[in-house]
Protein backbone atom coordinates (compact mmCIF):
# COMPACT_ATOMS: atom_id res chain seq x y z
CA UNK A 1 -0.13 0.02 0.15
CA UNK A 2 2.70 2.51 0.89
CA UNK A 3 4.44 1.54 -2.35
CA UNK A 4 1.36 2.65 -4.25
CA UNK A 5 1.02 5.90 -2.29
CA UNK A 6 4.75 6.68 -2.71
CA UNK A 7 4.47 6.43 -6.54
CA UNK A 8 1.07 8.12 -6.67
CA UNK A 9 2.52 11.04 -4.51
CA UNK A 10 5.60 11.23 -6.82
CA UNK A 11 3.24 11.64 -9.99
CA UNK A 12 1.10 14.14 -7.92
CA UNK A 13 4.28 16.37 -7.41
CA UNK A 14 5.61 15.75 -10.84
CA UNK A 15 1.97 16.45 -12.54
CA UNK A 16 1.68 19.66 -10.40
CA UNK A 17 5.16 20.71 -11.63
CA UNK A 18 4.78 19.91 -15.34
CA UNK A 19 2.04 22.36 -16.11
CA UNK A 20 1.09 24.12 -19.24
CA UNK A 21 3.77 26.70 -18.37
CA UNK A 22 6.37 23.91 -19.51
CA UNK A 23 5.57 25.14 -23.17
CA UNK A 24 6.50 28.72 -22.13
CA UNK A 25 10.11 27.54 -21.07
CA UNK A 26 11.68 27.58 -24.66
CA UNK A 27 10.40 31.27 -25.02
CA UNK A 28 11.49 32.40 -21.68
CA UNK A 29 14.98 30.72 -22.18
CA UNK A 30 15.29 31.30 -25.95
CA UNK A 31 17.90 34.18 -25.69
CA UNK A 32 20.03 32.26 -23.26
CA UNK A 33 21.03 29.37 -25.48
CA UNK A 34 20.80 25.71 -24.59
CA UNK A 35 23.80 25.43 -22.23
CA UNK A 36 22.98 28.39 -20.19
CA UNK A 37 19.37 27.56 -20.07
CA UNK A 38 20.23 24.03 -18.88
CA UNK A 39 22.68 25.28 -16.04
CA UNK A 40 19.85 27.70 -14.69
CA UNK A 41 17.19 24.93 -14.92
CA UNK A 42 19.64 22.57 -12.88
CA UNK A 43 20.30 25.38 -10.31
CA UNK A 44 16.56 25.93 -10.05
CA UNK A 45 16.01 22.23 -9.32
CA UNK A 46 18.46 22.08 -6.76
CA UNK A 47 17.25 24.98 -4.97
CA UNK A 48 13.43 24.07 -5.06
CA UNK A 49 14.28 20.42 -4.22
CA UNK A 50 16.38 21.55 -1.26
CA UNK A 51 13.52 23.77 0.16
CA UNK A 52 11.05 20.99 -0.44
CA UNK A 53 13.10 18.84 1.93
CA UNK A 54 13.35 21.67 4.46
CA UNK A 55 9.49 21.65 4.36
CA UNK A 56 9.55 17.81 5.14
CA UNK A 57 11.95 18.66 8.01
CA UNK A 58 9.53 20.88 9.48
CA UNK A 59 6.53 18.50 9.23
CA UNK A 60 8.24 16.17 11.75
CA UNK A 61 7.32 18.67 14.58
CA UNK A 62 3.72 18.91 13.64
CA UNK A 63 0.63 16.74 13.20
CA UNK A 64 0.34 14.88 9.97
CA UNK A 65 -2.59 17.11 8.91
CA UNK A 66 -0.68 20.28 9.53
CA UNK A 67 -0.45 22.77 6.44
CA UNK A 68 1.56 25.97 6.11
CA UNK A 69 -0.95 27.72 8.32
CA UNK A 70 -0.06 25.52 11.32
CA UNK A 71 3.55 25.33 10.72
CA UNK A 72 3.81 29.28 10.39
CA UNK A 73 1.73 29.82 13.53
CA UNK A 74 3.67 27.31 15.70
CA UNK A 75 7.15 28.39 14.67
CA UNK A 76 6.73 32.15 13.67
CA UNK A 77 3.69 33.36 15.62
CA UNK A 78 0.78 35.39 14.40
CA UNK A 79 2.66 37.68 12.23
CA UNK A 80 4.42 34.70 10.34
CA UNK A 81 1.17 33.20 10.05
CA UNK A 82 -0.29 36.00 8.23
CA UNK A 83 2.34 36.44 5.83
CA UNK A 84 2.32 32.70 5.04
CA UNK A 85 -1.58 32.68 4.50
CA UNK A 86 -1.54 35.67 2.37
CA UNK A 87 1.31 34.33 0.24
CA UNK A 88 -0.55 31.01 -0.15
CA UNK A 89 -3.77 32.45 -0.88
CA UNK A 90 -2.66 34.90 -3.28
CA UNK A 91 -0.50 32.48 -5.24
CA UNK A 92 -2.95 29.63 -5.33
CA UNK A 93 -6.16 31.69 -6.02
CA UNK A 94 -4.16 33.43 -8.87
CA UNK A 95 -3.12 29.90 -10.35
CA UNK A 96 -6.60 28.48 -9.77
CA UNK A 97 -8.14 31.32 -11.52
CA UNK A 98 -5.89 30.98 -14.66
CA UNK A 99 -6.18 27.35 -14.87
CA UNK A 100 -10.11 27.68 -14.49
CA UNK A 101 -10.07 30.24 -17.27
CA UNK A 102 -7.78 28.16 -19.62
CA UNK A 103 -9.34 24.90 -18.88
CA UNK A 104 -12.91 26.26 -18.97
CA UNK A 105 -12.13 27.82 -22.30
CA UNK A 106 -10.90 24.64 -23.80
CA UNK A 107 -13.89 22.76 -22.23
CA UNK A 108 -16.31 25.46 -23.71
CA UNK A 109 -14.94 24.76 -27.20
CA UNK A 110 -15.65 21.13 -26.91
CA UNK A 111 -19.03 21.55 -25.42
CA UNK A 112 -19.87 23.92 -28.22
CA UNK A 113 -18.94 21.23 -30.76
CA UNK A 114 -21.00 18.84 -29.30
CA UNK A 115 -24.15 20.81 -28.83
CA UNK A 116 -26.84 21.97 -31.49
CA UNK A 117 -27.55 25.16 -29.68
CA UNK A 118 -25.56 28.10 -28.43
CA UNK A 119 -24.23 27.92 -24.88
CA UNK A 120 -23.79 30.38 -22.28
CA UNK A 121 -20.11 31.49 -22.28
CA UNK A 122 -19.47 30.75 -18.67
CA UNK A 123 -20.59 27.26 -18.97
CA UNK A 124 -17.34 25.85 -19.78
CA UNK A 125 -15.39 27.43 -16.64
CA UNK A 126 -18.43 26.31 -14.41
CA UNK A 127 -18.48 23.02 -15.56
CA UNK A 128 -14.59 22.69 -15.19
CA UNK A 129 -14.73 23.87 -11.57
CA UNK A 130 -17.71 21.44 -10.76
CA UNK A 131 -15.77 18.73 -12.50
CA UNK A 132 -12.48 19.03 -10.57
CA UNK A 133 -14.04 20.37 -7.34
CA UNK A 134 -15.90 17.06 -7.14
CA UNK A 135 -12.68 15.11 -7.49
CA UNK A 136 -10.93 17.19 -4.83
CA UNK A 137 -13.91 16.73 -2.44
CA UNK A 138 -13.45 13.02 -2.71
CA UNK A 139 -9.97 13.26 -1.22
CA UNK A 140 -6.11 12.64 -2.11
CA UNK A 141 -6.66 9.07 -2.72
CA UNK A 142 -9.01 9.70 -5.65
CA UNK A 143 -6.94 12.72 -6.79
CA UNK A 144 -3.89 10.19 -6.84
CA UNK A 145 -5.72 7.69 -9.07
CA UNK A 146 -7.20 10.20 -11.50
CA UNK A 147 -3.83 11.95 -11.74
CA UNK A 148 -1.88 8.64 -12.36
CA UNK A 149 -4.19 8.10 -15.35
CA UNK A 150 -3.77 11.78 -16.68
CA UNK A 151 -0.02 11.55 -16.13
CA UNK A 152 0.39 8.26 -18.00
CA UNK A 153 -1.51 9.82 -20.93
CA UNK A 154 0.32 12.98 -20.63
CA UNK A 155 3.80 11.09 -20.91
CA UNK A 156 2.30 9.22 -23.97
CA UNK A 157 1.54 12.62 -25.66
CA UNK A 158 4.95 13.85 -24.70
CA UNK A 159 6.56 10.73 -26.13
CA UNK A 160 4.73 11.25 -29.20
CA UNK A 161 5.73 14.81 -29.46
CA UNK A 162 9.42 14.03 -28.89
CA UNK A 163 9.33 11.25 -31.64
CA UNK A 164 7.93 13.76 -34.15
CA UNK A 165 10.35 16.64 -33.27
CA UNK A 166 13.64 14.93 -32.63
CA UNK A 167 14.32 14.05 -36.32
CA UNK A 168 14.38 17.84 -37.00
CA UNK A 169 16.78 18.80 -34.20
CA UNK A 170 19.93 20.67 -35.53
CA UNK A 171 22.93 20.59 -33.19
CA UNK A 172 24.22 23.92 -34.29
CA UNK A 173 20.94 25.60 -32.69
CA UNK A 174 21.91 24.13 -29.57
CA UNK A 175 25.42 25.69 -29.44
CA UNK A 176 24.05 29.47 -29.27
CA UNK A 177 25.43 31.78 -26.61
CA UNK A 178 23.01 34.24 -24.71
CA UNK A 179 21.76 37.22 -26.96
CA UNK A 180 22.29 39.56 -24.06
CA UNK A 181 23.18 39.29 -20.47
CA UNK A 182 20.00 40.89 -19.22
CA UNK A 183 17.90 37.95 -20.64
CA UNK A 184 19.64 35.52 -18.00
CA UNK A 185 18.14 37.86 -15.17
CA UNK A 186 14.66 38.02 -16.93
CA UNK A 187 14.49 34.21 -17.35
CA UNK A 188 15.33 33.22 -13.79
CA UNK A 189 11.82 33.91 -12.23
CA UNK A 190 10.16 31.85 -14.94
CA UNK A 191 12.47 28.92 -14.67
CA UNK A 192 12.27 28.78 -10.96
CA UNK A 193 8.52 29.05 -11.20
CA UNK A 194 8.50 25.87 -13.30
CA UNK A 195 9.44 23.87 -10.43
CA UNK A 196 6.88 25.19 -7.89
CA UNK A 197 5.03 22.33 -6.22
CA UNK A 198 5.53 23.20 -2.55
CA UNK A 199 1.97 24.14 -1.84
CA UNK A 200 0.88 20.59 -2.50
CA UNK A 201 3.59 19.00 0.10
CA UNK A 202 1.28 19.30 3.19
CA UNK A 203 -1.42 17.22 1.24
CA UNK A 204 1.30 14.70 0.34
CA UNK A 205 2.42 14.28 4.06
CA UNK A 206 -1.31 13.96 5.11
CA UNK A 207 -1.88 11.35 2.51
CA UNK A 208 1.11 9.36 3.18
CA UNK A 209 1.86 9.71 6.84
CA UNK A 210 5.05 11.17 8.26
CA UNK A 211 7.15 8.33 6.76
CA UNK A 212 10.30 10.47 6.50
CA UNK A 213 12.23 7.96 4.17
CA UNK A 214 9.40 7.49 1.67
CA UNK A 215 8.68 11.31 1.81
CA UNK A 216 12.18 12.10 1.21
CA UNK A 217 12.20 9.73 -1.79
CA UNK A 218 9.00 11.33 -3.06
CA UNK A 219 10.28 14.94 -2.92
CA UNK A 220 13.55 14.00 -4.74
CA UNK A 221 12.07 11.72 -7.49
CA UNK A 222 9.11 13.56 -7.91
CA UNK A 223 10.87 16.90 -8.64
CA UNK A 224 13.61 15.07 -10.80
CA UNK A 225 11.02 13.79 -13.30
CA UNK A 226 10.26 17.34 -14.48
CA UNK A 227 13.94 18.17 -14.70
CA UNK A 228 14.64 15.25 -17.12
CA UNK A 229 11.52 16.11 -19.17
CA UNK A 230 12.54 19.77 -19.23
CA UNK A 231 15.97 18.84 -20.52
CA UNK A 232 14.36 16.59 -23.47
CA UNK A 233 11.88 19.57 -24.07
CA UNK A 234 14.56 22.10 -24.35
CA UNK A 235 16.57 19.77 -26.63
CA UNK A 236 13.85 19.30 -29.18
CA UNK A 237 12.34 22.74 -28.80
CA UNK A 238 15.52 24.90 -29.04
CA UNK A 239 17.12 22.35 -31.50
CA UNK A 240 14.38 22.54 -33.96
CA UNK A 241 13.88 26.37 -34.15
CA UNK A 242 16.64 28.81 -34.51
CA UNK A 243 17.43 31.03 -31.60
CA UNK A 244 16.39 34.19 -33.38
CA UNK A 245 13.01 32.64 -34.56
CA UNK A 246 12.26 31.39 -30.95
CA UNK A 247 13.29 34.65 -29.41
CA UNK A 248 10.93 36.67 -31.68
CA UNK A 249 8.02 34.31 -31.42
CA UNK A 250 4.90 36.15 -30.23
CA UNK A 251 4.13 34.27 -27.20
CA UNK A 252 2.90 30.54 -26.99
CA UNK A 253 0.58 30.75 -29.89
CA UNK A 254 3.40 32.17 -31.90
CA UNK A 255 5.74 29.46 -30.81
CA UNK A 256 3.22 26.66 -31.69
CA UNK A 257 2.52 28.12 -34.98
CA UNK A 258 6.27 28.48 -35.86
CA UNK A 259 6.73 24.79 -35.13
CA UNK A 260 3.69 23.71 -37.25
CA UNK A 261 4.68 25.91 -40.26
CA UNK A 262 8.51 24.94 -40.08
CA UNK A 263 7.52 21.18 -40.23
CA UNK A 264 4.51 21.71 -42.35
CA UNK A 265 2.34 19.50 -39.85
CA UNK A 266 -0.82 20.31 -38.25
CA UNK A 267 -0.50 17.21 -35.92
CA UNK A 268 2.46 19.19 -34.17
CA UNK A 269 -0.10 21.87 -33.19
CA UNK A 270 -2.75 19.37 -32.26
CA UNK A 271 -0.42 17.27 -30.21
CA UNK A 272 0.77 20.26 -28.21
CA UNK A 273 -2.65 21.53 -27.70
CA UNK A 274 -3.63 17.86 -25.87
CA UNK A 275 -0.40 18.26 -23.91
CA UNK A 276 -1.35 21.76 -22.66
CA UNK A 277 -4.69 20.54 -21.79
CA UNK A 278 -3.40 17.51 -19.96
CA UNK A 279 -0.79 19.68 -18.18
CA UNK A 280 -3.29 21.95 -17.14
CA UNK A 281 -5.56 19.39 -15.68
CA UNK A 282 -2.77 17.64 -13.57
CA UNK A 283 -1.44 21.07 -12.42
CA UNK A 284 -4.84 22.13 -11.33
CA UNK A 285 -5.53 19.01 -9.45
CA UNK A 286 -2.20 19.25 -7.45
CA UNK A 287 -2.66 23.07 -6.70
CA UNK A 288 -6.34 22.75 -5.63
CA UNK A 289 -5.60 19.88 -3.58
CA UNK A 290 -2.98 21.90 -1.73
CA UNK A 291 -5.46 24.97 -1.35
CA UNK A 292 -8.22 22.60 -0.27
CA UNK A 293 -6.24 21.06 2.64
CA UNK A 294 -4.82 24.62 3.49
CA UNK A 295 -8.39 26.11 3.85
CA UNK A 296 -9.63 22.78 5.60
CA UNK A 297 -6.74 23.57 8.29
CA UNK A 298 -7.25 27.19 8.55
CA UNK A 299 -11.05 27.00 8.87
CA UNK A 300 -10.65 24.00 11.30
CA UNK A 301 -12.98 21.66 9.04
CA UNK A 302 -13.43 17.85 9.70
CA UNK A 303 -13.51 15.38 7.05
CA UNK A 304 -17.26 15.18 7.11
CA UNK A 305 -19.07 15.58 3.94
CA UNK A 306 -20.74 18.93 4.98
CA UNK A 307 -17.41 20.21 6.07
CA UNK A 308 -15.69 19.12 2.86
CA UNK A 309 -18.40 20.71 0.80
CA UNK A 310 -17.90 24.16 2.75
CA UNK A 311 -14.11 24.07 2.11
CA UNK A 312 -14.80 23.30 -1.52
CA UNK A 313 -16.94 26.38 -1.92
CA UNK A 314 -14.21 28.60 -0.04
CA UNK A 315 -11.45 27.10 -2.46
CA UNK A 316 -13.18 27.38 -5.74
CA UNK A 317 -15.88 29.99 -5.71
CA UNK A 318 -13.46 33.07 -5.37
CA UNK A 319 -11.12 31.91 -8.32
CA UNK A 320 -14.10 31.00 -10.44
CA UNK A 321 -15.79 34.45 -9.81
CA UNK A 322 -12.60 36.18 -10.90
CA UNK A 323 -12.28 33.84 -14.01
CA UNK A 324 -15.67 34.72 -15.10
CA UNK A 325 -16.00 38.24 -14.23
CA UNK A 326 -12.46 39.73 -13.97
CA UNK A 327 -10.08 37.54 -15.58
CA UNK A 328 -7.58 40.27 -16.15
CA UNK A 329 -6.94 40.83 -12.51
CA UNK A 330 -5.93 37.43 -11.74
CA UNK A 331 -3.87 37.11 -15.15
CA UNK A 332 -2.21 40.20 -14.12
CA UNK A 333 -1.33 38.80 -10.76
CA UNK A 334 0.33 35.89 -12.43
CA UNK A 335 2.92 38.26 -13.18
CA UNK A 336 3.73 38.57 -9.31
CA UNK A 337 3.56 34.69 -8.93
CA UNK A 338 7.23 34.33 -8.71
CA UNK A 339 7.39 36.77 -5.69
CA UNK A 340 4.61 34.85 -3.93
CA UNK A 341 6.25 31.49 -4.62
CA UNK A 342 9.62 32.67 -3.29
CA UNK A 343 8.16 33.64 -0.09
CA UNK A 344 6.06 30.59 0.24
CA UNK A 345 8.65 28.03 -1.21
CA UNK A 346 11.92 29.53 -0.09
CA UNK A 347 11.92 32.28 2.47
CA UNK A 348 9.35 30.64 4.85
CA UNK A 349 10.92 27.21 4.85
CA UNK A 350 14.46 28.69 5.46
CA UNK A 351 13.37 30.89 8.23
CA UNK A 352 11.14 28.30 9.86
CA UNK A 353 13.95 25.59 9.70
CA UNK A 354 16.62 28.01 11.08
CA UNK A 355 14.28 28.76 13.97
CA UNK A 356 13.28 25.22 14.66
CA UNK A 357 16.87 24.02 14.68
CA UNK A 358 17.62 26.75 17.22
CA UNK A 359 14.37 25.71 19.38
CA UNK A 360 14.74 23.59 22.41
CA UNK A 361 11.89 21.50 21.48
CA UNK A 362 13.84 19.24 18.81
CA UNK A 363 11.80 16.16 18.39
CA UNK A 364 9.92 14.05 16.03
CA UNK A 365 7.11 12.94 17.94
CA UNK A 366 4.68 12.77 15.18
CA UNK A 367 6.91 10.85 12.89
CA UNK A 368 7.94 7.07 13.28
CA UNK A 369 11.46 7.69 11.86
CA UNK A 370 14.36 9.41 13.64
CA UNK A 371 14.78 13.00 13.55
CA UNK A 372 15.59 14.10 10.04
CA UNK A 373 17.80 16.97 9.07
CA UNK A 374 18.43 18.20 5.68
CA UNK A 375 22.36 18.34 5.06
CA UNK A 376 24.16 21.84 4.47
CA UNK A 377 23.72 23.45 7.82
CA UNK A 378 23.68 27.27 8.12
CA UNK A 379 25.68 27.89 4.90
CA UNK A 380 22.97 25.98 2.76
CA UNK A 381 20.13 28.15 4.34
CA UNK A 382 21.83 31.27 3.76
CA UNK A 383 22.67 30.35 0.12
CA UNK A 384 18.85 29.48 -0.46
CA UNK A 385 17.82 32.75 1.15
CA UNK A 386 20.37 34.52 -1.25
CA UNK A 387 19.04 32.93 -4.24
CA UNK A 388 15.59 34.02 -3.15
CA UNK A 389 16.55 37.54 -2.90
CA UNK A 390 18.01 37.23 -6.51
CA UNK A 391 14.82 35.91 -7.85
CA UNK A 392 12.53 38.62 -6.48
CA UNK A 393 15.17 41.32 -7.54
CA UNK A 394 14.99 39.90 -11.15
CA UNK A 395 11.16 40.17 -10.97
CA UNK A 396 11.35 43.74 -9.85
CA UNK A 397 14.15 44.60 -12.44
CA UNK A 398 11.82 43.38 -15.18
CA UNK A 399 8.85 45.50 -13.71
CA UNK A 400 11.02 48.50 -13.61
CA UNK A 401 12.36 47.96 -17.30
CA UNK A 402 15.93 47.49 -16.16
CA UNK A 403 16.12 44.12 -18.07
CA UNK A 404 14.12 42.77 -20.90
CA UNK A 405 10.65 41.39 -20.18
CA UNK A 406 9.91 37.65 -21.03
CA UNK A 407 6.61 37.52 -22.90
């Protein structure tokens, strides 16, 4: 049973990480050249895996159903709890609203094709929210099973995509150097955000129980799968299209259009669209599960059907409302997602672990294993915090026009 949960949890982390934003990685890193992009990807993976393990270290000192709300309150007090909760709600509501808008739009197209009458424009988003909301209400076990199916299909689609693109890879395209140094700074927030799965960690701990050895494996392997897939994706995307053409692509649609026209194949565009829809679905499951368990903790709700329904309304109603009536607001908020993610996934784990390690109450009473401590000591904590400052600085430099903006 624990093996099935371990594999399922790895896929939840990988599925949450490998979202539709993966398709934007070649555009974000187009001006860097392949080698520079891969160095930054590897550093981002090291950083985010390290802070995921820090979060696991924290969970040893809390009940299995604890979320960031409980951890921050117990370790940082009321002020830390407020900062943690605001970062979590801001980031995850923005992500959920964007996913509902995107997924609902795709579902609306499908429903319109099947229907003989004109359908309300909001039907797709509402149906999308009800469908996935129902899955989340049923619990992590149900999410695990459905996510495994979606993830396997997504990998099959990815394999097909790699198969179609690999013969067209040109080695000279992978030898390019950065067009300008400022683009390296601009790409950092996008690349780091592509490894963001930390909001789902409390749900994984709650689902598996505090089995530190198994959870450590889940964090490392679950985060490593996206790294391997990103590596292959960068090879085929940056290897097929020249650096200048990729850099001047007009967003994701322009990138897909460039691939289709270059290879004279509509099947490329169709495969990319299918992958984007599957990636959106698996990411939404992971993000909304983490947000659901977070609100269950904040609102002190039980696992009864009534309480889970109330938690679901709090989880899905606000992002659905914004996706329906003011999508621009949350789409704009996504521009600040990297800042919220750095607070949530880097600064808070570093500060809480530092404080916990210097606390008199060092025990793992809630875990069966011996006390686990991530290697690296204070040097690693300071290094992670420094990278967090660099990422936020990169985002602000873009906002102030000091470096090129990634579109």
